[in-house]
Amino acid sequence: MDQDPLLSIKVKKPMPNKFKGPYDIYKDGFCFLPSLFSQSEISAGYKGLWSIINGKYNTGRPPENRFWNLGDSPNSIIKIDKPHICNESVWKLVTKPKFGEALASVVNAKMVQVWHSQVVWKPKSINHSGNAGWHRDAQYWPFWSADGLYTAWIALSDVSINSGPVRFIAGSNKWDSIEGLDFFDKNIDSQDKILDKHYKNRNIVCSTLKTGQVSIHTSLTYHSSTENKESDPRVGMVVHFCTDKAMRIPVVGENENYLDKIKDHSIAPIIYGDKIES
């Protein structure tokens, strides 16, 4: 099937990149931003996510999916989809104009829309309970093109080398797909052996962040994380966003109409630029 353009955008110049650092989103597949949020915004967002984890939704809207529920193991990764629709403070965090402008600047976009989000709360791990296997986001998004799709990871706690930071493989956004890699496979040693067959010499960069700082990676960048060895949880607000370059791909089956939700801006807010409704 042919790809259909996602959006019709009002004429607006792309944001110039004001954030220069050691890693480039196009060359390396990821980059890092300084803190874009006040301490009060971070604190409110943290408390908001904890309320959602405990089943309290002050907007009256439940999350799209819960992959952890009260009574489940306290040492497992807590993953909940679309928490930004459940809590006013979390909504304010991901829709902050300064945040939208920064994302547009880094990826040279005319428009930035939050189409999905997750809270990923990683308590102190037992054995491999905190592992997330090597994967690229695009392998789970058959309804999207690869271009114009990114993930921003907002640190709501300090992320040290011992707390299981996200790990990126520099330049992997230019690789062909590798079979056998999966987020849900906690046996990272076996996945490393698969990677060795294709790219034995690879540069792995750990996303160690201070509270409020942000990492951004493309939908094709391979990344993973290991166990949290610290007593405090590693808390991240994951924001999946599309730009004016994104293309919706028609699919059949259970995900056929999934992206229809982006027409509802109470679910998928535009945080930079404008959209013309068709």
C-alpha atoms as a PDB file:
ATOM      1  CA  MET A   1       0.000   0.000   0.000  1.00  0.00           C
ATOM      2  CA  ASP A   2       1.080   3.563  -0.558  1.00  0.00           C
ATOM      3  CA  GLN A   3       1.916   5.684   2.430  1.00  0.00           C
ATOM      4  CA  ASP A   4      -0.406   8.579   3.185  1.00  0.00           C
ATOM      5  CA  PRO A   5       0.810  11.895   4.557  1.00  0.00           C
ATOM      6  CA  LEU A   6      -0.125  12.200   8.219  1.00  0.00           C
ATOM      7  CA  LEU A   7      -0.635  15.890   8.488  1.00  0.00           C
ATOM      8  CA  SER A   8      -1.253  19.049   6.505  1.00  0.00           C
ATOM      9  CA  ILE A   9       0.855  21.727   8.149  1.00  0.00           C
ATOM     10  CA  LYS A  10       0.555  25.482   8.068  1.00  0.00           C
ATOM     11  CA  VAL A  11       3.663  27.094   6.602  1.00  0.00           C
ATOM     12  CA  LYS A  12       6.131  27.566   9.412  1.00  0.00           C
ATOM     13  CA  LYS A  13       9.905  27.566   9.354  1.00  0.00           C
ATOM     14  CA  PRO A  14      11.558  24.630  11.141  1.00  0.00           C
ATOM     15  CA  MET A  15      13.166  25.476  14.458  1.00  0.00           C
ATOM     16  CA  PRO A  16      16.968  25.864  14.236  1.00  0.00           C
ATOM     17  CA  ASN A  17      18.848  23.497  16.538  1.00  0.00           C
ATOM     18  CA  LYS A  18      19.875  25.480  19.610  1.00  0.00           C
ATOM     19  CA  PHE A  19      21.132  22.429  21.489  1.00  0.00           C
ATOM     20  CA  LYS A  20      24.606  21.390  20.391  1.00  0.00           C
ATOM     21  CA  GLY A  21      26.269  18.566  22.293  1.00  0.00           C
ATOM     22  CA  PRO A  22      28.632  15.616  21.882  1.00  0.00           C
ATOM     23  CA  TYR A  23      25.934  13.436  20.293  1.00  0.00           C
ATOM     24  CA  ASP A  24      23.855  14.228  17.225  1.00  0.00           C
ATOM     25  CA  ILE A  25      20.330  12.932  16.676  1.00  0.00           C
ATOM     26  CA  TYR A  26      20.987  12.157  12.999  1.00  0.00           C
ATOM     27  CA  LYS A  27      24.593  10.915  13.164  1.00  0.00           C
ATOM     28  CA  ASP A  28      24.375   8.958  16.421  1.00  0.00           C
ATOM     29  CA  GLY A  29      20.621   8.381  16.650  1.00  0.00           C
ATOM     30  CA  PHE A  30      20.254  10.106  20.009  1.00  0.00           C
ATOM     31  CA  CYS A  31      21.159  13.252  21.912  1.00  0.00           C
ATOM     32  CA  PHE A  32      20.777  14.855  25.327  1.00  0.00           C
ATOM     33  CA  LEU A  33      19.179  18.107  26.470  1.00  0.00           C
ATOM     34  CA  PRO A  34      19.664  20.147  29.638  1.00  0.00           C
ATOM     35  CA  SER A  35      16.817  20.428  32.118  1.00  0.00           C
ATOM     36  CA  LEU A  36      13.763  22.081  30.594  1.00  0.00           C
ATOM     37  CA  PHE A  37      11.593  21.967  33.716  1.00  0.00           C
ATOM     38  CA  SER A  38      11.424  23.658  37.104  1.00  0.00           C
ATOM     39  CA  GLN A  39      11.821  21.659  40.287  1.00  0.00           C
ATOM     40  CA  SER A  40       8.148  22.195  41.089  1.00  0.00           C
ATOM     41  CA  GLU A  41       7.104  20.835  37.678  1.00  0.00           C
ATOM     42  CA  ILE A  42       9.305  17.773  38.160  1.00  0.00           C
ATOM     43  CA  SER A  43       7.998  17.195  41.680  1.00  0.00           C
ATOM     44  CA  ALA A  44       4.373  17.524  40.565  1.00  0.00           C
ATOM     45  CA  GLY A  45       4.978  15.169  37.645  1.00  0.00           C
ATOM     46  CA  TYR A  46       6.637  12.605  39.916  1.00  0.00           C
ATOM     47  CA  LYS A  47       3.741  12.715  42.378  1.00  0.00           C
ATOM     48  CA  GLY A  48       1.261  12.544  39.512  1.00  0.00           C
ATOM     49  CA  LEU A  49       2.853   9.383  38.126  1.00  0.00           C
ATOM     50  CA  TRP A  50       2.857   7.794  41.583  1.00  0.00           C
ATOM     51  CA  SER A  51      -0.862   8.546  41.884  1.00  0.00           C
ATOM     52  CA  ILE A  52      -1.479   6.886  38.512  1.00  0.00           C
ATOM     53  CA  ILE A  53       0.528   3.843  39.558  1.00  0.00           C
ATOM     54  CA  ASN A  54      -1.750   3.600  42.592  1.00  0.00           C
ATOM     55  CA  GLY A  55      -4.882   3.759  40.435  1.00  0.00           C
ATOM     56  CA  LYS A  56      -5.807   7.390  41.068  1.00  0.00           C
ATOM     57  CA  TYR A  57      -6.652   9.482  37.977  1.00  0.00           C
ATOM     58  CA  ASN A  58      -7.497  13.105  38.782  1.00  0.00           C
ATOM     59  CA  THR A  59      -8.674  13.799  35.226  1.00  0.00           C
ATOM     60  CA  GLY A  60     -11.208  10.991  35.480  1.00  0.00           C
ATOM     61  CA  ARG A  61      -9.600   9.182  32.533  1.00  0.00           C
ATOM     62  CA  PRO A  62      -7.844   5.837  32.978  1.00  0.00           C
ATOM     63  CA  PRO A  63      -4.621   5.008  31.125  1.00  0.00           C
ATOM     64  CA  GLU A  64      -4.718   3.192  27.806  1.00  0.00           C
ATOM     65  CA  ASN A  65      -3.018   0.111  29.257  1.00  0.00           C
ATOM     66  CA  ARG A  66      -1.516  -0.991  32.558  1.00  0.00           C
ATOM     67  CA  PHE A  67       1.308  -3.544  32.414  1.00  0.00           C
ATOM     68  CA  TRP A  68       1.658  -3.452  36.217  1.00  0.00           C
ATOM     69  CA  ASN A  69      -1.131  -3.460  38.798  1.00  0.00           C
ATOM     70  CA  LEU A  70      -1.364  -3.138  42.558  1.00  0.00           C
ATOM     71  CA  GLY A  71      -0.360  -6.465  44.065  1.00  0.00           C
ATOM     72  CA  ASP A  72       2.199  -7.250  41.350  1.00  0.00           C
ATOM     73  CA  SER A  73       5.867  -7.642  42.236  1.00  0.00           C
ATOM     74  CA  PRO A  74       7.266  -4.404  43.741  1.00  0.00           C
ATOM     75  CA  ASN A  75      10.586  -5.144  42.029  1.00  0.00           C
ATOM     76  CA  SER A  76       9.216  -5.389  38.488  1.00  0.00           C
ATOM     77  CA  ILE A  77       9.352  -2.541  35.987  1.00  0.00           C
ATOM     78  CA  ILE A  78       6.139  -0.517  36.290  1.00  0.00           C
ATOM     79  CA  LYS A  79       4.965   0.400  32.784  1.00  0.00           C
ATOM     80  CA  ILE A  80       1.695   2.245  32.114  1.00  0.00           C
ATOM     81  CA  ASP A  81       0.604   3.646  28.743  1.00  0.00           C
ATOM     82  CA  LYS A  82      -0.648   7.190  28.162  1.00  0.00           C
ATOM     83  CA  PRO A  83      -0.343   8.464  31.754  1.00  0.00           C
ATOM     84  CA  HIS A  84      -0.492  12.031  30.419  1.00  0.00           C
ATOM     85  CA  ILE A  85      -4.274  11.737  29.988  1.00  0.00           C
ATOM     86  CA  CYS A  86      -4.761  10.589  33.603  1.00  0.00           C
ATOM     87  CA  ASN A  87      -3.197  13.381  35.639  1.00  0.00           C
ATOM     88  CA  GLU A  88      -3.199  17.158  35.233  1.00  0.00           C
ATOM     89  CA  SER A  89       0.403  17.625  36.418  1.00  0.00           C
ATOM     90  CA  VAL A  90       1.695  14.972  34.019  1.00  0.00           C
ATOM     91  CA  TRP A  91      -0.281  16.595  31.186  1.00  0.00           C
ATOM     92  CA  LYS A  92       1.275  19.978  31.993  1.00  0.00           C
ATOM     93  CA  LEU A  93       4.735  18.409  32.006  1.00  0.00           C
ATOM     94  CA  VAL A  94       4.535  16.899  28.515  1.00  0.00           C
ATOM     95  CA  THR A  95       2.695  19.876  26.965  1.00  0.00           C
ATOM     96  CA  LYS A  96       5.008  22.577  28.289  1.00  0.00           C
ATOM     97  CA  PRO A  97       5.722  24.943  25.355  1.00  0.00           C
ATOM     98  CA  LYS A  98       9.450  25.107  26.169  1.00  0.00           C
ATOM     99  CA  PHE A  99       9.607  21.327  25.879  1.00  0.00           C
ATOM    100  CA  GLY A 100       7.821  21.326  22.519  1.00  0.00           C
ATOM    101  CA  GLU A 101      10.091  24.048  21.176  1.00  0.00           C
ATOM    102  CA  ALA A 102      13.186  22.133  22.282  1.00  0.00           C
ATOM    103  CA  LEU A 103      12.060  18.943  20.554  1.00  0.00           C
ATOM    104  CA  ALA A 104      11.248  20.858  17.370  1.00  0.00           C
ATOM    105  CA  SER A 105      14.664  22.501  17.506  1.00  0.00           C
ATOM    106  CA  VAL A 106      16.592  19.238  17.851  1.00  0.00           C
ATOM    107  CA  VAL A 107      14.779  17.388  15.055  1.00  0.00           C
ATOM    108  CA  ASN A 108      14.276  20.422  12.784  1.00  0.00           C
ATOM    109  CA  ALA A 109      10.491  20.099  12.799  1.00  0.00           C
ATOM    110  CA  LYS A 110       7.613  22.380  11.860  1.00  0.00           C
ATOM    111  CA  MET A 111       5.225  20.448  14.105  1.00  0.00           C
ATOM    112  CA  VAL A 112       5.528  18.205  17.152  1.00  0.00           C
ATOM    113  CA  GLN A 113       2.655  16.020  18.374  1.00  0.00           C
ATOM    114  CA  VAL A 114       2.640  13.713  21.390  1.00  0.00           C
ATOM    115  CA  TRP A 115       0.955  10.575  20.038  1.00  0.00           C
ATOM    116  CA  HIS A 116       1.825   8.219  22.888  1.00  0.00           C
ATOM    117  CA  SER A 117       3.483   8.177  26.312  1.00  0.00           C
ATOM    118  CA  GLN A 118       4.547   5.799  29.054  1.00  0.00           C
ATOM    119  CA  VAL A 119       5.646   5.936  32.631  1.00  0.00           C
ATOM    120  CA  VAL A 120       8.586   3.592  33.168  1.00  0.00           C
ATOM    121  CA  TRP A 121       9.205   3.316  36.906  1.00  0.00           C
ATOM    122  CA  LYS A 122      12.071   0.946  37.696  1.00  0.00           C
ATOM    123  CA  PRO A 123      12.373  -0.043  41.389  1.00  0.00           C
ATOM    124  CA  LYS A 124      15.426  -1.774  42.805  1.00  0.00           C
ATOM    125  CA  SER A 125      15.784  -4.924  40.731  1.00  0.00           C
ATOM    126  CA  ILE A 126      15.997  -8.552  41.746  1.00  0.00           C
ATOM    127  CA  ASN A 127      18.162 -10.574  39.363  1.00  0.00           C
ATOM    128  CA  HIS A 128      17.072  -9.462  35.879  1.00  0.00           C
ATOM    129  CA  SER A 129      13.689  -7.951  36.816  1.00  0.00           C
ATOM    130  CA  GLY A 130      14.804  -4.504  35.666  1.00  0.00           C
ATOM    131  CA  ASN A 131      16.180  -5.545  32.293  1.00  0.00           C
ATOM    132  CA  ALA A 132      14.712  -4.272  29.036  1.00  0.00           C
ATOM    133  CA  GLY A 133      16.153  -5.979  25.986  1.00  0.00           C
ATOM    134  CA  TRP A 134      17.781  -4.425  22.936  1.00  0.00           C
ATOM    135  CA  HIS A 135      15.177  -3.118  20.505  1.00  0.00           C
ATOM    136  CA  ARG A 136      14.265  -0.239  18.237  1.00  0.00           C
ATOM    137  CA  ASP A 137      10.875   1.416  18.710  1.00  0.00           C
ATOM    138  CA  ALA A 138       9.977   1.131  15.028  1.00  0.00           C
ATOM    139  CA  GLN A 139       9.645  -2.663  15.291  1.00  0.00           C
ATOM    140  CA  TYR A 140       6.513  -2.174  17.421  1.00  0.00           C
ATOM    141  CA  TRP A 141       4.977   0.577  15.256  1.00  0.00           C
ATOM    142  CA  PRO A 142       3.968  -1.006  11.913  1.00  0.00           C
ATOM    143  CA  PHE A 143       1.439   1.794  11.354  1.00  0.00           C
ATOM    144  CA  TRP A 144       4.173   4.481  11.203  1.00  0.00           C
ATOM    145  CA  SER A 145       6.945   5.312   8.787  1.00  0.00           C
ATOM    146  CA  ALA A 146      10.441   5.398  10.283  1.00  0.00           C
ATOM    147  CA  ASP A 147      10.983   9.075   9.461  1.00  0.00           C
ATOM    148  CA  GLY A 148       9.617  11.754  11.748  1.00  0.00           C
ATOM    149  CA  LEU A 149       9.203   9.462  14.773  1.00  0.00           C
ATOM    150  CA  TYR A 150      11.141  10.048  17.993  1.00  0.00           C
ATOM    151  CA  THR A 151      11.101   9.330  21.700  1.00  0.00           C
ATOM    152  CA  ALA A 152      11.913  11.827  24.440  1.00  0.00           C
ATOM    153  CA  TRP A 153      12.796  10.454  27.888  1.00  0.00           C
ATOM    154  CA  ILE A 154      12.313  12.930  30.758  1.00  0.00           C
ATOM    155  CA  ALA A 155      14.250  12.032  33.914  1.00  0.00           C
ATOM    156  CA  LEU A 156      12.048  12.483  36.968  1.00  0.00           C
ATOM    157  CA  SER A 157      14.832  11.144  39.172  1.00  0.00           C
ATOM    158  CA  ASP A 158      18.601  11.216  38.902  1.00  0.00           C
ATOM    159  CA  VAL A 159      19.736   8.401  36.613  1.00  0.00           C
ATOM    160  CA  SER A 160      23.152   6.989  37.505  1.00  0.00           C
ATOM    161  CA  ILE A 161      25.209   4.238  35.931  1.00  0.00           C
ATOM    162  CA  ASN A 162      23.936   1.924  38.697  1.00  0.00           C
ATOM    163  CA  SER A 163      20.222   2.670  38.357  1.00  0.00           C
ATOM    164  CA  GLY A 164      19.757   0.955  34.999  1.00  0.00           C
ATOM    165  CA  PRO A 165      19.983   3.867  32.551  1.00  0.00           C
ATOM    166  CA  VAL A 166      18.834   3.610  28.971  1.00  0.00           C
ATOM    167  CA  ARG A 167      21.776   2.521  26.805  1.00  0.00           C
ATOM    168  CA  PHE A 168      22.045   3.596  23.177  1.00  0.00           C
ATOM    169  CA  ILE A 169      24.177   2.092  20.409  1.00  0.00           C
ATOM    170  CA  ALA A 170      25.689   5.047  18.561  1.00  0.00           C
ATOM    171  CA  GLY A 171      24.968   4.973  14.829  1.00  0.00           C
ATOM    172  CA  SER A 172      22.530   2.044  15.068  1.00  0.00           C
ATOM    173  CA  ASN A 173      19.814   4.238  13.563  1.00  0.00           C
ATOM    174  CA  LYS A 174      21.543   3.530  10.230  1.00  0.00           C
ATOM    175  CA  TRP A 175      21.654  -0.251  10.654  1.00  0.00           C
ATOM    176  CA  ASP A 176      19.477  -2.809   8.940  1.00  0.00           C
ATOM    177  CA  SER A 177      16.998  -4.579  11.234  1.00  0.00           C
ATOM    178  CA  ILE A 178      18.420  -7.409  13.343  1.00  0.00           C
ATOM    179  CA  GLU A 179      16.230 -10.425  14.072  1.00  0.00           C
ATOM    180  CA  GLY A 180      16.005 -11.778  17.607  1.00  0.00           C
ATOM    181  CA  LEU A 181      16.122  -8.519  19.562  1.00  0.00           C
ATOM    182  CA  ASP A 182      13.148  -7.632  21.762  1.00  0.00           C
ATOM    183  CA  PHE A 183      12.282  -5.217  24.587  1.00  0.00           C
ATOM    184  CA  PHE A 184      10.536  -8.000  26.523  1.00  0.00           C
ATOM    185  CA  ASP A 185      13.530 -10.386  26.431  1.00  0.00           C
ATOM    186  CA  LYS A 186      15.382  -9.859  29.719  1.00  0.00           C
ATOM    187  CA  ASN A 187      18.304 -12.090  28.714  1.00  0.00           C
ATOM    188  CA  ILE A 188      20.545  -9.308  27.459  1.00  0.00           C
ATOM    189  CA  ASP A 189      23.626 -11.555  27.393  1.00  0.00           C
ATOM    190  CA  SER A 190      22.027 -13.707  24.709  1.00  0.00           C
ATOM    191  CA  GLN A 191      21.034 -10.606  22.761  1.00  0.00           C
ATOM    192  CA  ASP A 192      24.604  -9.309  22.980  1.00  0.00           C
ATOM    193  CA  LYS A 193      25.722 -12.501  21.244  1.00  0.00           C
ATOM    194  CA  ILE A 194      23.264 -11.793  18.428  1.00  0.00           C
ATOM    195  CA  LEU A 195      24.640  -8.265  18.126  1.00  0.00           C
ATOM    196  CA  ASP A 196      28.209  -9.618  18.074  1.00  0.00           C
ATOM    197  CA  LYS A 197      27.422 -11.518  14.878  1.00  0.00           C
ATOM    198  CA  HIS A 198      26.524  -8.281  13.130  1.00  0.00           C
ATOM    199  CA  TYR A 199      28.381  -5.442  14.882  1.00  0.00           C
ATOM    200  CA  LYS A 200      31.035  -6.699  17.282  1.00  0.00           C
ATOM    201  CA  ASN A 201      32.648  -3.275  17.649  1.00  0.00           C
ATOM    202  CA  ARG A 202      29.847  -1.046  18.855  1.00  0.00           C
ATOM    203  CA  ASN A 203      29.799   2.136  20.896  1.00  0.00           C
ATOM    204  CA  ILE A 204      27.327   1.890  23.786  1.00  0.00           C
ATOM    205  CA  VAL A 205      26.451   5.169  25.493  1.00  0.00           C
ATOM    206  CA  CYS A 206      24.667   5.189  28.851  1.00  0.00           C
ATOM    207  CA  SER A 207      22.022   7.873  29.343  1.00  0.00           C
ATOM    208  CA  THR A 208      23.013   9.079  32.792  1.00  0.00           C
ATOM    209  CA  LEU A 209      20.851  12.107  33.537  1.00  0.00           C
ATOM    210  CA  LYS A 210      20.139  14.583  36.291  1.00  0.00           C
ATOM    211  CA  THR A 211      16.529  15.176  37.277  1.00  0.00           C
ATOM    212  CA  GLY A 212      14.762  17.216  34.588  1.00  0.00           C
ATOM    213  CA  GLN A 213      17.228  16.425  31.810  1.00  0.00           C
ATOM    214  CA  VAL A 214      16.010  14.783  28.613  1.00  0.00           C
ATOM    215  CA  SER A 215      17.282  12.245  26.116  1.00  0.00           C
ATOM    216  CA  ILE A 216      15.895  11.971  22.585  1.00  0.00           C
ATOM    217  CA  HIS A 217      16.313   9.050  20.201  1.00  0.00           C
ATOM    218  CA  THR A 218      14.992   8.135  16.768  1.00  0.00           C
ATOM    219  CA  SER A 219      12.594   5.264  16.132  1.00  0.00           C
ATOM    220  CA  LEU A 220      15.445   3.280  14.529  1.00  0.00           C
ATOM    221  CA  THR A 221      18.003   3.592  17.343  1.00  0.00           C
ATOM    222  CA  TYR A 222      18.737   0.360  19.193  1.00  0.00           C
ATOM    223  CA  HIS A 223      18.579   0.751  22.965  1.00  0.00           C
ATOM    224  CA  SER A 224      18.154  -1.290  26.153  1.00  0.00           C
ATOM    225  CA  SER A 225      18.591  -1.017  29.916  1.00  0.00           C
ATOM    226  CA  THR A 226      19.780  -3.249  32.742  1.00  0.00           C
ATOM    227  CA  GLU A 227      18.846  -3.718  36.376  1.00  0.00           C
ATOM    228  CA  ASN A 228      18.528  -0.930  38.936  1.00  0.00           C
ATOM    229  CA  LYS A 229      21.054  -1.662  41.686  1.00  0.00           C
ATOM    230  CA  GLU A 230      20.135   1.385  43.764  1.00  0.00           C
ATOM    231  CA  SER A 231      17.544   1.562  46.537  1.00  0.00           C
ATOM    232  CA  ASP A 232      15.602   4.451  44.942  1.00  0.00           C
ATOM    233  CA  PRO A 233      13.490   3.920  41.808  1.00  0.00           C
ATOM    234  CA  ARG A 234      14.646   5.129  38.408  1.00  0.00           C
ATOM    235  CA  VAL A 235      11.726   7.158  37.076  1.00  0.00           C
ATOM    236  CA  GLY A 236      11.254   8.218  33.475  1.00  0.00           C
ATOM    237  CA  MET A 237       8.406   9.887  31.620  1.00  0.00           C
ATOM    238  CA  VAL A 238       8.562   8.545  28.071  1.00  0.00           C
ATOM    239  CA  VAL A 239       7.101  10.795  25.368  1.00  0.00           C
ATOM    240  CA  HIS A 240       6.687   9.352  21.878  1.00  0.00           C
ATOM    241  CA  PHE A 241       6.256  12.169  19.365  1.00  0.00           C
ATOM    242  CA  CYS A 242       5.769  12.566  15.639  1.00  0.00           C
ATOM    243  CA  THR A 243       6.647  15.493  13.395  1.00  0.00           C
ATOM    244  CA  ASP A 244       5.428  16.900  10.097  1.00  0.00           C
ATOM    245  CA  LYS A 245       7.689  14.344   8.356  1.00  0.00           C
ATOM    246  CA  ALA A 246       5.829  11.344   9.811  1.00  0.00           C
ATOM    247  CA  MET A 247       3.733   9.194   7.496  1.00  0.00           C
ATOM    248  CA  ARG A 248       0.877   6.935   8.529  1.00  0.00           C
ATOM    249  CA  ILE A 249       1.031   3.468   6.958  1.00  0.00           C
ATOM    250  CA  PRO A 250      -2.253   1.596   6.409  1.00  0.00           C
ATOM    251  CA  VAL A 251      -2.370  -1.734   8.236  1.00  0.00           C
ATOM    252  CA  VAL A 252      -5.022  -4.375   8.796  1.00  0.00           C
ATOM    253  CA  GLY A 253      -5.913  -6.140  12.003  1.00  0.00           C
ATOM    254  CA  GLU A 254      -6.076  -4.947  15.594  1.00  0.00           C
ATOM    255  CA  ASN A 255      -4.005  -1.811  14.941  1.00  0.00           C
ATOM    256  CA  GLU A 256      -5.941  -0.766  11.826  1.00  0.00           C
ATOM    257  CA  ASN A 257      -7.580   2.217  13.522  1.00  0.00           C
ATOM    258  CA  TYR A 258      -5.114   2.830  16.345  1.00  0.00           C
ATOM    259  CA  LEU A 259      -3.743   6.079  14.959  1.00  0.00           C
ATOM    260  CA  ASP A 260      -7.215   7.558  14.612  1.00  0.00           C
ATOM    261  CA  LYS A 261      -6.629   8.713  18.185  1.00  0.00           C
ATOM    262  CA  ILE A 262      -4.201  11.395  16.989  1.00  0.00           C
ATOM    263  CA  LYS A 263      -7.204  13.362  15.708  1.00  0.00           C
ATOM    264  CA  ASP A 264      -8.238  13.856  19.344  1.00  0.00           C
ATOM    265  CA  HIS A 265      -5.953  16.490  20.821  1.00  0.00           C
ATOM    266  CA  SER A 266      -7.110  15.667  24.335  1.00  0.00           C
ATOM    267  CA  ILE A 267      -5.223  12.393  23.778  1.00  0.00           C
ATOM    268  CA  ALA A 268      -2.540  13.478  21.306  1.00  0.00           C
ATOM    269  CA  PRO A 269      -1.703  17.134  21.973  1.00  0.00           C
ATOM    270  CA  ILE A 270       0.276  19.213  19.493  1.00  0.00           C
ATOM    271  CA  ILE A 271       3.022  20.880  21.521  1.00  0.00           C
ATOM    272  CA  TYR A 272       4.658  22.829  18.698  1.00  0.00           C
ATOM    273  CA  GLY A 273       3.211  24.123  15.414  1.00  0.00           C
ATOM    274  CA  ASP A 274      -0.295  23.827  14.024  1.00  0.00           C
ATOM    275  CA  LYS A 275      -2.388  21.265  12.202  1.00  0.00           C
ATOM    276  CA  ILE A 276      -5.036  21.943   9.570  1.00  0.00           C
ATOM    277  CA  GLU A 277      -7.994  19.630  10.089  1.00  0.00           C
ATOM    278  CA  SER A 278      -9.037  17.786   6.945  1.00  0.00           C
END
